[in-house]
Structure formats: structure tokens, C-alpha cells
Protein backbone atom coordinates (compact mmCIF):
# COMPACT_ATOMS: atom_id res chain seq x y z
CA UNK A 1 -6.35 -20.03 -9.09
CA UNK A 2 -4.53 -22.70 -11.05
CA UNK A 3 -0.95 -20.53 -12.06
CA UNK A 4 -1.43 -22.80 -15.88
CA UNK A 5 -4.92 -20.61 -15.74
CA UNK A 6 -3.28 -17.45 -16.13
CA UNK A 7 -1.98 -15.94 -19.32
CA UNK A 8 1.61 -15.93 -17.65
CA UNK A 9 2.51 -18.25 -15.35
CA UNK A 10 4.09 -16.34 -12.12
CA UNK A 11 7.39 -16.06 -11.80
CA UNK A 12 9.74 -14.33 -8.66
CA UNK A 13 11.54 -13.02 -11.32
CA UNK A 14 8.90 -10.93 -12.82
CA UNK A 15 7.84 -9.59 -9.96
CA UNK A 16 10.91 -8.02 -9.01
CA UNK A 17 11.81 -6.88 -13.00
CA UNK A 18 8.09 -4.55 -12.27
CA UNK A 19 9.34 -3.57 -8.92
CA UNK A 20 12.24 -2.05 -10.41
CA UNK A 21 10.41 -0.98 -13.74
CA UNK A 22 7.96 0.79 -11.25
CA UNK A 23 10.53 2.79 -9.14
CA UNK A 24 12.80 3.45 -12.88
CA UNK A 25 9.76 4.91 -14.18
CA UNK A 26 8.67 7.12 -11.22
CA UNK A 27 11.89 8.27 -10.10
CA UNK A 28 12.31 9.12 -13.76
CA UNK A 29 9.45 11.27 -14.63
CA UNK A 30 10.03 12.95 -11.17
CA UNK A 31 13.41 14.08 -12.11
CA UNK A 32 12.27 15.28 -15.14
CA UNK A 33 10.02 17.29 -13.41
CA UNK A 34 13.02 19.35 -12.37
CA UNK A 35 11.27 19.58 -8.91
CA UNK A 36 12.94 18.72 -5.84
CA UNK A 37 11.14 16.87 -3.31
CA UNK A 38 10.93 18.99 -0.72
CA UNK A 39 8.78 22.06 -2.87
CA UNK A 40 6.47 19.69 -4.10
CA UNK A 41 3.55 21.49 -1.62
CA UNK A 42 4.84 25.14 -2.10
CA UNK A 43 2.02 25.14 -4.90
CA UNK A 44 -0.50 23.18 -6.84
CA UNK A 45 1.00 23.25 -10.01
CA UNK A 46 4.62 21.84 -8.11
CA UNK A 47 3.00 19.11 -6.74
CA UNK A 48 1.36 18.15 -9.51
CA UNK A 49 3.96 18.38 -11.75
CA UNK A 50 6.34 16.83 -9.38
CA UNK A 51 4.01 14.31 -8.00
CA UNK A 52 0.97 13.38 -9.66
CA UNK A 53 2.59 13.28 -13.26
CA UNK A 54 4.57 10.12 -12.61
CA UNK A 55 0.90 8.31 -10.94
CA UNK A 56 -0.63 9.18 -13.99
CA UNK A 57 1.94 7.18 -16.24
CA UNK A 58 2.16 4.84 -13.64
CA UNK A 59 -1.41 3.94 -13.79
CA UNK A 60 -1.44 3.34 -17.48
CA UNK A 61 1.85 1.40 -17.13
CA UNK A 62 0.27 -0.63 -14.72
CA UNK A 63 -2.48 -1.48 -15.97
CA UNK A 64 -1.10 -2.62 -19.01
CA UNK A 65 1.66 -4.77 -17.39
CA UNK A 66 -1.36 -6.34 -15.32
CA UNK A 67 -3.79 -6.89 -18.83
CA UNK A 68 -0.68 -8.39 -20.45
CA UNK A 69 -0.17 -10.57 -18.23
CA UNK A 70 -3.46 -11.75 -17.29
CA UNK A 71 -2.74 -10.68 -13.36
CA UNK A 72 -6.06 -8.98 -13.05
CA UNK A 73 -7.91 -11.34 -10.66
CA UNK A 74 -4.48 -12.85 -8.44
CA UNK A 75 -4.09 -8.93 -8.00
CA UNK A 76 -7.17 -7.72 -6.48
CA UNK A 77 -8.23 -11.07 -4.73
CA UNK A 78 -7.04 -14.15 -2.32
CA UNK A 79 -8.04 -17.46 -3.03
CA UNK A 80 -7.50 -18.32 0.16
CA UNK A 81 -7.72 -15.72 2.43
CA UNK A 82 -6.28 -15.04 6.23
CA UNK A 83 -7.86 -17.74 8.74
CA UNK A 84 -7.43 -15.27 11.22
CA UNK A 85 -9.15 -11.53 10.55
CA UNK A 86 -8.81 -9.96 14.42
CA UNK A 87 -6.18 -8.86 12.72
CA UNK A 88 -8.38 -5.96 10.97
CA UNK A 89 -8.06 -4.36 14.50
CA UNK A 90 -4.73 -2.61 13.37
CA UNK A 91 -5.83 -1.19 9.86
CA UNK A 92 -9.10 -0.02 11.46
CA UNK A 93 -6.29 1.95 13.85
CA UNK A 94 -4.57 3.06 11.11
CA UNK A 95 -8.15 4.27 9.07
CA UNK A 96 -8.99 5.97 12.39
CA UNK A 97 -5.76 8.42 12.80
CA UNK A 98 -6.22 9.02 9.31
CA UNK A 99 -9.51 10.48 9.69
CA UNK A 100 -8.32 12.12 12.86
CA UNK A 101 -5.04 13.58 10.16
CA UNK A 102 -7.76 14.76 7.54
CA UNK A 103 -10.07 16.22 10.71
CA UNK A 104 -6.75 18.46 11.91
CA UNK A 105 -5.78 19.61 8.46
CA UNK A 106 -4.98 22.95 7.98
CA UNK A 107 -8.04 23.13 5.00
CA UNK A 108 -8.20 26.94 5.03
CA UNK A 109 -4.73 26.88 3.52
CA UNK A 110 -5.63 25.02 0.41
CA UNK A 111 -6.82 26.25 -3.17
CA UNK A 112 -8.52 25.23 -5.82
CA UNK A 113 -5.20 23.98 -7.66
CA UNK A 114 -3.63 22.70 -4.77
CA UNK A 115 -7.14 20.47 -3.61
CA UNK A 116 -6.99 19.02 -7.32
CA UNK A 117 -3.00 18.37 -7.20
CA UNK A 118 -3.72 16.76 -3.93
CA UNK A 119 -6.51 14.74 -5.48
CA UNK A 120 -3.79 13.27 -7.80
CA UNK A 121 -1.85 11.58 -5.63
CA UNK A 122 -4.94 9.08 -4.44
CA UNK A 123 -3.43 7.53 -7.54
CA UNK A 124 -0.31 6.45 -5.19
CA UNK A 125 -2.50 3.48 -3.25
CA UNK A 126 -3.58 1.92 -6.54
CA UNK A 127 0.66 1.99 -8.31
CA UNK A 128 2.31 1.66 -4.91
CA UNK A 129 -0.07 -1.58 -3.85
CA UNK A 130 -0.01 -3.12 -7.45
CA UNK A 131 3.27 -2.96 -7.55
CA UNK A 132 4.40 -4.55 -4.26
CA UNK A 133 0.99 -6.09 -2.44
CA UNK A 134 -0.56 -6.79 -6.02
CA UNK A 135 2.25 -7.84 -8.75
CA UNK A 136 4.95 -8.75 -6.58
CA UNK A 137 2.44 -11.36 -4.17
CA UNK A 138 1.33 -12.75 -6.87
CA UNK A 139 5.51 -13.57 -8.79
CA UNK A 140 6.78 -14.53 -4.73
CA UNK A 141 3.58 -16.97 -4.06
CA UNK A 142 4.80 -19.36 -7.01
CA UNK A 143 7.76 -20.17 -4.91
CA UNK A 144 7.83 -18.98 -1.33
CA UNK A 145 6.22 -19.27 1.91
CA UNK A 146 3.61 -16.92 2.82
CA UNK A 147 6.44 -15.33 5.56
CA UNK A 148 8.74 -14.67 2.80
CA UNK A 149 5.45 -13.64 1.18
CA UNK A 150 4.83 -10.57 3.38
CA UNK A 151 8.85 -9.83 4.13
CA UNK A 152 9.78 -9.13 0.77
CA UNK A 153 6.60 -7.08 -0.69
CA UNK A 154 7.08 -5.50 2.64
CA UNK A 155 10.49 -4.59 2.48
CA UNK A 156 10.24 -3.75 -1.51
CA UNK A 157 7.31 -1.46 -0.35
CA UNK A 158 9.76 0.65 1.50
CA UNK A 159 12.84 0.30 -0.47
CA UNK A 160 10.25 2.27 -2.98
CA UNK A 161 10.89 5.35 -0.15
CA UNK A 162 14.67 5.75 -0.60
CA UNK A 163 13.92 7.66 -4.06
CA UNK A 164 13.00 10.51 -1.77
CA UNK A 165 16.83 10.70 -0.59
CA UNK A 166 17.90 11.26 -4.46
CA UNK A 167 14.83 13.70 -4.65
CA UNK A 168 16.17 15.98 -2.26
CA UNK A 169 15.21 14.42 0.87
CA UNK A 170 18.16 13.80 3.36
CA UNK A 171 19.31 10.81 3.80
CA UNK A 172 18.05 10.60 7.66
CA UNK A 173 14.42 11.42 6.97
CA UNK A 174 14.91 9.09 3.99
CA UNK A 175 16.11 6.22 6.10
CA UNK A 176 13.26 6.62 9.01
CA UNK A 177 10.33 6.93 5.66
CA UNK A 178 11.81 3.81 4.80
CA UNK A 179 11.58 1.95 7.77
CA UNK A 180 8.35 2.97 8.50
CA UNK A 181 6.76 2.40 4.77
CA UNK A 182 8.06 -1.40 5.61
CA UNK A 183 5.88 -1.15 8.93
CA UNK A 184 3.11 0.55 7.50
CA UNK A 185 3.20 -1.81 4.44
CA UNK A 186 2.40 -4.83 6.84
CA UNK A 187 -0.68 -2.76 8.21
CA UNK A 188 -1.82 -2.76 4.20
CA UNK A 189 -1.09 -6.24 3.77
CA UNK A 190 -3.27 -7.30 6.72
CA UNK A 191 -5.80 -5.82 5.17
CA UNK A 192 -5.09 -8.38 2.02
CA UNK A 193 -4.81 -10.75 3.90
CA UNK A 194 -7.91 -10.48 6.07
CA UNK A 195 -10.63 -9.06 3.67
CA UNK A 196 -9.11 -11.20 0.80
CA UNK A 197 -9.05 -8.40 -1.32
CA UNK A 198 -6.50 -5.80 -2.15
CA UNK A 199 -8.71 -3.19 -3.21
CA UNK A 200 -9.77 -2.12 0.78
CA UNK A 201 -5.62 -1.50 0.91
CA UNK A 202 -5.20 0.62 -1.79
CA UNK A 203 -8.18 2.72 -0.42
CA UNK A 204 -6.77 2.65 2.82
CA UNK A 205 -2.96 3.86 1.35
CA UNK A 206 -4.70 6.34 -0.73
CA UNK A 207 -6.65 7.91 1.81
CA UNK A 208 -3.77 7.57 4.53
CA UNK A 209 -0.78 9.15 2.21
CA UNK A 210 -3.59 11.90 1.17
CA UNK A 211 -4.13 12.58 4.91
CA UNK A 212 -0.62 12.79 6.12
CA UNK A 213 0.65 15.23 2.41
CA UNK A 214 -2.53 17.13 3.65
CA UNK A 215 -1.75 17.98 6.76
CA UNK A 216 1.70 19.13 6.32
CA UNK A 217 0.21 22.09 4.01
CA UNK A 218 -0.48 25.09 5.90
CA UNK A 219 -0.40 25.38 9.71
CA UNK A 220 -2.27 22.12 12.00
CA UNK A 221 -2.94 21.61 14.70
CA UNK A 222 0.01 20.74 17.05
CA UNK A 223 -1.64 18.03 17.93
CA UNK A 224 -0.60 16.28 14.68
CA UNK A 225 3.27 16.46 16.19
CA UNK A 226 1.99 13.70 18.20
CA UNK A 227 0.45 11.41 15.45
CA UNK A 228 4.04 9.93 14.27
CA UNK A 229 4.10 7.92 17.62
CA UNK A 230 0.38 7.01 16.93
CA UNK A 231 1.64 5.64 13.62
CA UNK A 232 4.54 4.48 14.70
CA UNK A 233 2.87 2.46 17.60
CA UNK A 234 0.53 0.83 14.69
CA UNK A 235 3.17 -0.05 13.05
CA UNK A 236 4.49 -1.97 15.83
CA UNK A 237 1.10 -3.47 15.97
CA UNK A 238 1.13 -4.28 12.76
CA UNK A 239 4.98 -6.57 13.06
CA UNK A 240 3.24 -8.32 16.27
CA UNK A 241 0.45 -9.47 14.31
CA UNK A 242 1.00 -9.94 10.94
CA UNK A 243 1.73 -13.27 12.07
CA UNK A 244 -1.72 -14.43 12.51
CA UNK A 245 -2.82 -13.92 8.72
CA UNK A 246 -0.01 -16.41 7.31
CA UNK A 247 -2.23 -19.74 8.01
CA UNK A 248 -5.55 -19.80 4.87
CA UNK A 249 -8.54 -21.50 4.79
CA UNK A 250 -10.19 -21.03 1.63
CA UNK A 251 -14.19 -20.12 0.70
CA UNK A 252 -15.53 -23.00 -0.09
CA UNK A 253 -14.24 -24.54 3.49
CA UNK A 254 -15.44 -21.99 4.96
CA UNK A 255 -18.57 -21.92 3.61
CA UNK A 256 -19.02 -25.69 3.83
CA UNK A 257 -17.56 -25.89 7.60
CA UNK A 258 -20.60 -22.70 8.04
CA UNK A 259 -23.98 -25.22 6.79
CA UNK A 260 -22.18 -28.53 8.68
CA UNK A 261 -24.64 -30.37 11.31
CA UNK A 262 -24.41 -30.28 14.40
CA UNK A 263 -23.50 -33.48 15.99
CA UNK A 264 -25.63 -33.43 19.83
CA UNK A 265 -23.79 -36.02 21.96
CA UNK A 266 -25.85 -38.95 23.95
CA UNK A 267 -25.23 -39.97 26.99
């Protein structure tokens, strides 16, 4: 897509400004709730006011911002996606892990209010993806190579989670969360590049976050403790395979190649 055709021409600083605004809004609303991060899981009310409201506000503001910029199309869809599609096996592994995590969740510990508040958290798939791998990617591509687009957008996604330290989480778990988010963010980047759309990354992100939060409620199976190692392994696989997604091919070029007649050599 020609950047000149957009309502506002993409600039790197716009991506960082949106990221900073997102972090500030979410952090501000969560602090205003007065509910520490480690108490969100105590009740449906804590979960909704501590985390859910900030996501609702962020969703509205991001939708307005994207409309004003006119960036919906480039934020959600790749103009030229990855030449190699096979790295999609890494996101598939993450999806299977999320399903297994949901199976191992102690659903008996859920009441109606807590479950309803948990569903609101699904909005994180839209808000964090649109911010880090949607609008920021559009902005970064205005000047930087795809390698830097991946690295900076994934690093920005990881650093988002450092706000949990200021919300009451201990430093070491927060640093681990930031590093893990960088790796898992790479998985979501692979989804965008291999499928050609951010929408599937939003869906996987929402389901993954929901499963991680859900399994921590109540009395989960002891098998759950080993899933952290599985997540780490998936993150390592993502970092090892993401390089193969940087080269692009346009849909029109693919279609032309598929319909090109086969040449038969004559001896």
C-alpha cells in the first residue's frame, strides 16, 4: 500500500507516541482502580475494575486513533506477506498449549461474575496487538527494515509488561514476564507475517492470555507447572525461526507464479 494514500503518512515517531499513550492510559486507569495487580484474581469485581476497565477504554481510544489516521488496512493486513509459511508451526504449538491449559483449568472455581470479568480480558488481544504489531508496525515500516520492525515492535510489547512492577508485582517476576513477552510477541509477529493479517494474531493473543490467567485461578492440575517450560521452548523456537519471515512476496506475484505455464524441455 502506498503510504501517500493514507490519511496521515506513517512516521516512526507516531508509532512510539501511540505506544506511550497506550501505556499511560492503561497504567493510569489501573492505578486509579486502587487494586494491586496481584489481587486481580481475588474476585470478579477486582478483575473487572483492576484490568477490564482499562482495556475497554484503550479499545475505544485505539479504534478512534486508527480511524483518524486512516491506518486500519495496513495495521490489519500485510501488503506483502512472508515468502516462507512453514514458521506458522510455532504459533500452532502455542495455540495447542493454550487449549491444553484451558483443559487443565479448575473451572469449578469460577463463578458467573468472575467468568464475565475474564471475558472482558479478551480485549487484550485487540489492544496490545493493535498497539505493538498493528499501528507501530505501520509506523516503523515507513523507515526501517523488516528485521528492525520485528525487533522494536516485539521489544515494545515486552516493555509494556514492566508496568506490572509499578502495580505491585515483584521485580524479578516482572523482568521474567518482560523477556517472555518479547519471545511470545515474536510468535504473534510470525502469525501476522505468515497469514497476512493481524486478526489471527489478535485471536491467538486473546486466547493465550485468557488461558494463562484462567489456569491460575482455583486449584489447577499439577501438570500446569510444566507448561512454563513449554512456553519457554516455544519462545526459543520463535526466535530461531522468525528470520525466515522477513523476506516478502506480494499476493499478485504469487498468483502470477501459480498460473505461469510449465515449460517442457526437449532433448
